[in-house]
Amino acid sequence: VPTDCPQRDERLGWMGDASLSVESMLLHFDMAGMMAAFVDSMVDELGADGSLPDVVPYQRYGGRPADLSWSSALVSSMHALWEA
């Protein structure tokens, strides 16, 4: 799960972090396997209406549906994996 920082609840899989950094993570680190697993987790969290939560896997924080720019992490991650 891509995280921001280890304290508080920033260690959760906030979708905004993934959305903004997936291309850089794949370019600079051997992250393809981890990002593919995170994409699988995002797909597992898809709601019946196609919505995603702010945090994957969903915990007590964040909301559903996620902010549009945060839920775009699914599409941007799949596209970045395809390009990698």
C-alpha atoms as a PDB file:
ATOM      1  CA  VAL A   1       0.000   0.000   0.000  1.00  0.00           C
ATOM      2  CA  PRO A   2       1.520   3.353  -0.943  1.00  0.00           C
ATOM      3  CA  THR A   3       1.696   5.513   2.159  1.00  0.00           C
ATOM      4  CA  ASP A   4       2.507   9.092   3.017  1.00  0.00           C
ATOM      5  CA  CYS A   5       4.168   8.864   6.427  1.00  0.00           C
ATOM      6  CA  PRO A   6       4.208   6.235   9.203  1.00  0.00           C
ATOM      7  CA  GLN A   7       2.565   8.223  12.001  1.00  0.00           C
ATOM      8  CA  ARG A   8      -1.131   8.846  12.578  1.00  0.00           C
ATOM      9  CA  ASP A   9      -3.340   7.320   9.931  1.00  0.00           C
ATOM     10  CA  GLU A  10      -1.194   8.431   7.036  1.00  0.00           C
ATOM     11  CA  ARG A  11       0.009   4.842   6.806  1.00  0.00           C
ATOM     12  CA  LEU A  12      -3.308   3.902   5.214  1.00  0.00           C
ATOM     13  CA  GLY A  13      -3.586   3.514   1.459  1.00  0.00           C
ATOM     14  CA  TRP A  14      -4.823   7.012   0.670  1.00  0.00           C
ATOM     15  CA  MET A  15      -5.738   7.070  -3.000  1.00  0.00           C
ATOM     16  CA  GLY A  16      -4.518  10.636  -3.521  1.00  0.00           C
ATOM     17  CA  ASP A  17      -0.927   9.610  -2.813  1.00  0.00           C
ATOM     18  CA  ALA A  18      -1.126   6.790  -5.329  1.00  0.00           C
ATOM     19  CA  SER A  19      -2.801   8.968  -7.935  1.00  0.00           C
ATOM     20  CA  LEU A  20      -0.097  11.613  -7.761  1.00  0.00           C
ATOM     21  CA  SER A  21       2.965   9.391  -7.528  1.00  0.00           C
ATOM     22  CA  VAL A  22       2.375   6.122  -9.406  1.00  0.00           C
ATOM     23  CA  GLU A  23       4.371   7.130 -12.500  1.00  0.00           C
ATOM     24  CA  SER A  24       7.336   8.282 -10.434  1.00  0.00           C
ATOM     25  CA  MET A  25       7.264   5.172  -8.241  1.00  0.00           C
ATOM     26  CA  LEU A  26       7.305   2.887 -11.273  1.00  0.00           C
ATOM     27  CA  LEU A  27      10.046   4.901 -12.969  1.00  0.00           C
ATOM     28  CA  HIS A  28      12.424   5.077 -10.002  1.00  0.00           C
ATOM     29  CA  PHE A  29      11.725   1.864  -8.093  1.00  0.00           C
ATOM     30  CA  ASP A  30      10.912  -1.777  -8.836  1.00  0.00           C
ATOM     31  CA  MET A  31       7.255  -1.274  -7.899  1.00  0.00           C
ATOM     32  CA  ALA A  32       5.319  -3.039 -10.674  1.00  0.00           C
ATOM     33  CA  GLY A  33       4.374  -6.028  -8.523  1.00  0.00           C
ATOM     34  CA  MET A  34       3.309  -3.875  -5.588  1.00  0.00           C
ATOM     35  CA  MET A  35       1.286  -1.522  -7.788  1.00  0.00           C
ATOM     36  CA  ALA A  36      -0.411  -4.455  -9.532  1.00  0.00           C
ATOM     37  CA  ALA A  37      -1.432  -5.783  -6.108  1.00  0.00           C
ATOM     38  CA  PHE A  38      -2.693  -2.324  -5.127  1.00  0.00           C
ATOM     39  CA  VAL A  39      -4.757  -2.169  -8.340  1.00  0.00           C
ATOM     40  CA  ASP A  40      -6.255  -5.550  -7.368  1.00  0.00           C
ATOM     41  CA  SER A  41      -7.128  -4.088  -3.958  1.00  0.00           C
ATOM     42  CA  MET A  42      -8.774  -1.088  -5.641  1.00  0.00           C
ATOM     43  CA  VAL A  43     -10.874  -3.392  -7.818  1.00  0.00           C
ATOM     44  CA  ASP A  44     -11.878  -5.366  -4.710  1.00  0.00           C
ATOM     45  CA  GLU A  45     -13.106  -2.114  -3.107  1.00  0.00           C
ATOM     46  CA  LEU A  46     -15.251  -1.020  -6.064  1.00  0.00           C
ATOM     47  CA  GLY A  47     -18.803  -0.377  -4.902  1.00  0.00           C
ATOM     48  CA  ALA A  48     -21.893  -1.638  -6.699  1.00  0.00           C
ATOM     49  CA  ASP A  49     -22.183   1.824  -8.264  1.00  0.00           C
ATOM     50  CA  GLY A  50     -18.535   1.781  -9.402  1.00  0.00           C
ATOM     51  CA  SER A  51     -17.355   4.163  -6.692  1.00  0.00           C
ATOM     52  CA  LEU A  52     -14.092   3.855  -4.784  1.00  0.00           C
ATOM     53  CA  PRO A  53     -13.340   4.991  -1.231  1.00  0.00           C
ATOM     54  CA  ASP A  54     -10.644   7.516  -0.298  1.00  0.00           C
ATOM     55  CA  VAL A  55      -8.623   4.724   1.353  1.00  0.00           C
ATOM     56  CA  VAL A  56      -7.860   1.263  -0.076  1.00  0.00           C
ATOM     57  CA  PRO A  57      -8.261  -1.133   1.583  1.00  0.00           C
ATOM     58  CA  TYR A  58     -11.179   0.757   3.114  1.00  0.00           C
ATOM     59  CA  GLN A  59     -10.798   1.592   6.806  1.00  0.00           C
ATOM     60  CA  ARG A  60     -12.698   3.850   9.154  1.00  0.00           C
ATOM     61  CA  TYR A  61     -11.202   6.983   7.592  1.00  0.00           C
ATOM     62  CA  GLY A  62     -12.006   8.575   4.287  1.00  0.00           C
ATOM     63  CA  GLY A  63     -15.301   8.515   2.526  1.00  0.00           C
ATOM     64  CA  ARG A  64     -17.178   6.867  -0.281  1.00  0.00           C
ATOM     65  CA  PRO A  65     -17.315   7.987  -2.951  1.00  0.00           C
ATOM     66  CA  ALA A  66     -13.776   9.298  -3.005  1.00  0.00           C
ATOM     67  CA  ASP A  67     -12.849  12.683  -4.353  1.00  0.00           C
ATOM     68  CA  LEU A  68     -12.747  12.435  -8.144  1.00  0.00           C
ATOM     69  CA  SER A  69      -9.018  13.144  -8.361  1.00  0.00           C
ATOM     70  CA  TRP A  70      -8.316  10.484  -5.719  1.00  0.00           C
ATOM     71  CA  SER A  71     -10.440   7.771  -7.291  1.00  0.00           C
ATOM     72  CA  SER A  72      -8.607   8.383 -10.563  1.00  0.00           C
ATOM     73  CA  ALA A  73      -5.760   6.406  -8.949  1.00  0.00           C
ATOM     74  CA  LEU A  74      -7.306   3.248 -10.380  1.00  0.00           C
ATOM     75  CA  VAL A  75      -7.127   4.475 -13.972  1.00  0.00           C
ATOM     76  CA  SER A  76      -3.770   6.228 -13.597  1.00  0.00           C
ATOM     77  CA  SER A  77      -2.233   3.164 -11.922  1.00  0.00           C
ATOM     78  CA  MET A  78      -3.476   0.793 -14.612  1.00  0.00           C
ATOM     79  CA  HIS A  79      -2.213   3.124 -17.338  1.00  0.00           C
ATOM     80  CA  ALA A  80       1.189   3.545 -15.660  1.00  0.00           C
ATOM     81  CA  LEU A  81       1.521  -0.233 -15.278  1.00  0.00           C
ATOM     82  CA  TRP A  82       0.663  -0.676 -18.950  1.00  0.00           C
ATOM     83  CA  GLU A  83       3.355   1.844 -19.928  1.00  0.00           C
ATOM     84  CA  ALA A  84       6.000   0.346 -17.609  1.00  0.00           C
END
